C-alpha cells in the first residue's frame, strides 16, 4: 500500500507539473494573442477616430471653400453691379446731352427758317413798295 500511495503521489505530482507547464505555455500564448488583440482593437479605434476627424476636417474645408466662393461671387456681383450702374449713368448723361444738343440745333434751325421767312417777306414788302413808288413816279 505504501508503494501504491507513493506511486499515486508521484503520478499526481507529474500530472500537476505537466498541467502547470501546459497552463503556463497556454497563458504565454494567450498573453501574446491578447496583446495582439489589444493592439488590433486600438488600431481599429484609432482608425475610426481618425476617419471621423478626417471627415470632420473635409466637411470643415468644404464649408470654408463654399464660404470663400460665396464671398468672391458676392464681390464680383457688386463690381458688376457698380460697373453696370456707372455705364447706365454715363449712358443717361450722354443721352440727355444729345437730346439737349439736338433740341438746340432744332431751335436754331427753326429760328433760321423763321428768319429766312421774315427776310423773304421783308424783301417782298420792300420790292412791292419800291415798285409802287416807281409806278407812282412814272405817272
Protein backbone atom coordinates (compact mmCIF):
# COMPACT_ATOMS: atom_id res chain seq x y z
CA UNK A 1 0.00 0.00 0.00
CA UNK A 2 2.74 2.33 0.63
CA UNK A 3 4.12 1.81 -2.79
CA UNK A 4 0.71 2.37 -4.27
CA UNK A 5 0.27 5.62 -2.35
CA UNK A 6 3.74 6.69 -3.31
CA UNK A 7 3.03 5.95 -6.98
CA UNK A 8 -0.24 7.92 -6.76
CA UNK A 9 1.58 10.90 -5.26
CA UNK A 10 4.25 10.68 -7.94
CA UNK A 11 1.60 10.44 -10.61
CA UNK A 12 -0.24 13.40 -9.16
CA UNK A 13 3.00 15.37 -8.96
CA UNK A 14 3.90 14.56 -12.57
CA UNK A 15 0.39 15.48 -13.73
CA UNK A 16 0.49 18.78 -11.85
CA UNK A 17 3.91 19.63 -13.32
CA UNK A 18 2.68 18.80 -16.84
CA UNK A 19 -0.59 20.68 -16.29
CA UNK A 20 1.38 23.66 -14.93
CA UNK A 21 3.70 23.56 -17.94
CA UNK A 22 0.76 23.37 -20.35
CA UNK A 23 -1.08 26.11 -18.46
CA UNK A 24 1.99 28.37 -18.43
CA UNK A 25 2.50 27.80 -22.16
CA UNK A 26 -1.20 28.49 -22.80
CA UNK A 27 -1.02 31.64 -20.64
CA UNK A 28 2.08 32.80 -22.53
CA UNK A 29 0.33 32.23 -25.88
CA UNK A 30 -2.82 33.86 -24.50
CA UNK A 31 -0.81 36.90 -23.36
CA UNK A 32 0.71 37.29 -26.83
CA UNK A 33 -2.66 36.83 -28.51
CA UNK A 34 -4.22 39.21 -26.01
CA UNK A 35 -1.51 41.80 -26.73
CA UNK A 36 -2.10 41.41 -30.49
CA UNK A 37 -5.84 41.65 -29.94
CA UNK A 38 -5.45 44.77 -27.81
CA UNK A 39 -3.15 46.37 -30.39
CA UNK A 40 -5.57 45.42 -33.16
CA UNK A 41 -8.54 46.88 -31.23
CA UNK A 42 -6.61 50.08 -30.51
CA UNK A 43 -5.69 50.36 -34.19
CA UNK A 44 -9.34 49.93 -35.19
CA UNK A 45 -10.46 52.55 -32.69
CA UNK A 46 -7.72 54.97 -33.77
CA UNK A 47 -8.60 54.37 -37.42
CA UNK A 48 -12.25 55.08 -36.69
CA UNK A 49 -11.45 58.23 -34.73
CA UNK A 50 -9.03 59.36 -37.44
CA UNK A 51 -11.74 58.71 -40.04
CA UNK A 52 -14.17 60.83 -38.06
CA UNK A 53 -11.58 63.60 -37.71
CA UNK A 54 -10.81 63.35 -41.42
CA UNK A 55 -14.50 63.52 -42.32
CA UNK A 56 -14.96 66.49 -40.00
CA UNK A 57 -11.92 68.18 -41.49
CA UNK A 58 -13.18 67.51 -45.03
CA UNK A 59 -16.58 68.89 -44.11
CA UNK A 60 -14.99 71.94 -42.48
CA UNK A 61 -12.82 72.53 -45.55
CA UNK A 62 -15.86 72.13 -47.79
CA UNK A 63 -17.78 74.71 -45.74
CA UNK A 64 -14.78 77.06 -45.83
CA UNK A 65 -14.44 76.65 -49.60
CA UNK A 66 -18.16 77.32 -50.04
CA UNK A 67 -17.92 80.47 -47.93
CA UNK A 68 -14.88 81.67 -49.90
CA UNK A 69 -16.70 81.07 -53.18
CA UNK A 70 -19.74 82.89 -51.83
CA UNK A 71 -17.65 85.91 -50.81
CA UNK A 72 -15.86 86.02 -54.16
CA UNK A 73 -19.14 85.73 -56.09
CA UNK A 74 -20.68 88.48 -53.94
CA UNK A 75 -17.66 90.73 -54.57
CA UNK A 76 -17.79 90.09 -58.33
CA UNK A 77 -21.54 90.73 -58.36
CA UNK A 78 -21.03 94.04 -56.56
CA UNK A 79 -18.29 95.01 -59.02
CA UNK A 80 -20.54 94.07 -61.94
CA UNK A 81 -23.49 96.00 -60.48
CA UNK A 82 -21.31 99.06 -59.80
CA UNK A 83 -19.91 98.92 -63.32
CA UNK A 84 -23.38 98.47 -64.80
CA UNK A 85 -24.69 101.44 -62.82
CA UNK A 86 -21.76 103.58 -63.98
CA UNK A 87 -22.34 102.56 -67.60
CA UNK A 88 -26.09 103.24 -67.24
CA UNK A 89 -25.42 106.62 -65.62
CA UNK A 90 -22.94 107.63 -68.30
CA UNK A 91 -25.40 106.49 -70.98
CA UNK A 92 -28.13 108.60 -69.36
CA UNK A 93 -25.83 111.62 -69.25
CA UNK A 94 -24.83 111.14 -72.88
CA UNK A 95 -28.46 110.66 -73.87
CA UNK A 96 -29.51 113.83 -72.05
CA UNK A 97 -26.66 115.78 -73.65
CA UNK A 98 -27.54 114.54 -77.13
CA UNK A 99 -31.21 115.39 -76.60
CA UNK A 100 -30.42 118.92 -75.38
CA UNK A 101 -27.93 119.37 -78.22
CA UNK A 102 -30.45 118.20 -80.83
CA UNK A 103 -33.10 120.48 -79.31
CA UNK A 104 -30.73 123.41 -79.54
CA UNK A 105 -29.92 122.52 -83.15
CA UNK A 106 -33.65 122.23 -83.96
CA UNK A 107 -34.31 125.56 -82.27
CA UNK A 108 -31.51 127.22 -84.24
CA UNK A 109 -32.78 125.68 -87.48
CA UNK A 110 -36.33 126.87 -86.74
CA UNK A 111 -35.02 130.34 -85.99
CA UNK A 112 -33.05 130.29 -89.25
CA UNK A 113 -36.15 129.18 -91.17
CA UNK A 114 -38.25 131.81 -89.45
CA UNK A 115 -35.59 134.46 -90.08
CA UNK A 116 -35.47 133.43 -93.74
CA UNK A 117 -39.24 133.66 -93.99
CA UNK A 118 -39.24 137.05 -92.29
CA UNK A 119 -36.45 138.27 -94.55
CA UNK A 120 -38.32 136.95 -97.56
CA UNK A 121 -41.48 138.81 -96.54
CA UNK A 122 -39.44 141.90 -95.76
CA UNK A 123 -37.82 141.85 -99.17
CA UNK A 124 -41.18 141.36 -100.82
CA UNK A 125 -42.54 144.36 -98.97
CA UNK A 126 -39.57 146.46 -99.89
CA UNK A 127 -39.81 145.38 -103.53
CA UNK A 128 -43.51 145.98 -103.71
CA UNK A 129 -43.13 149.42 -102.11
CA UNK A 130 -40.34 150.33 -104.45
CA UNK A 131 -42.39 149.13 -107.45
CA UNK A 132 -45.36 151.14 -106.36
CA UNK A 133 -43.09 154.05 -105.82
CA UNK A 134 -41.66 153.65 -109.27
CA UNK A 135 -45.09 153.29 -110.74
CA UNK A 136 -46.29 156.43 -108.97
CA UNK A 137 -43.30 158.34 -110.06
CA UNK A 138 -43.82 157.25 -113.58
CA UNK A 139 -47.26 158.61 -113.65
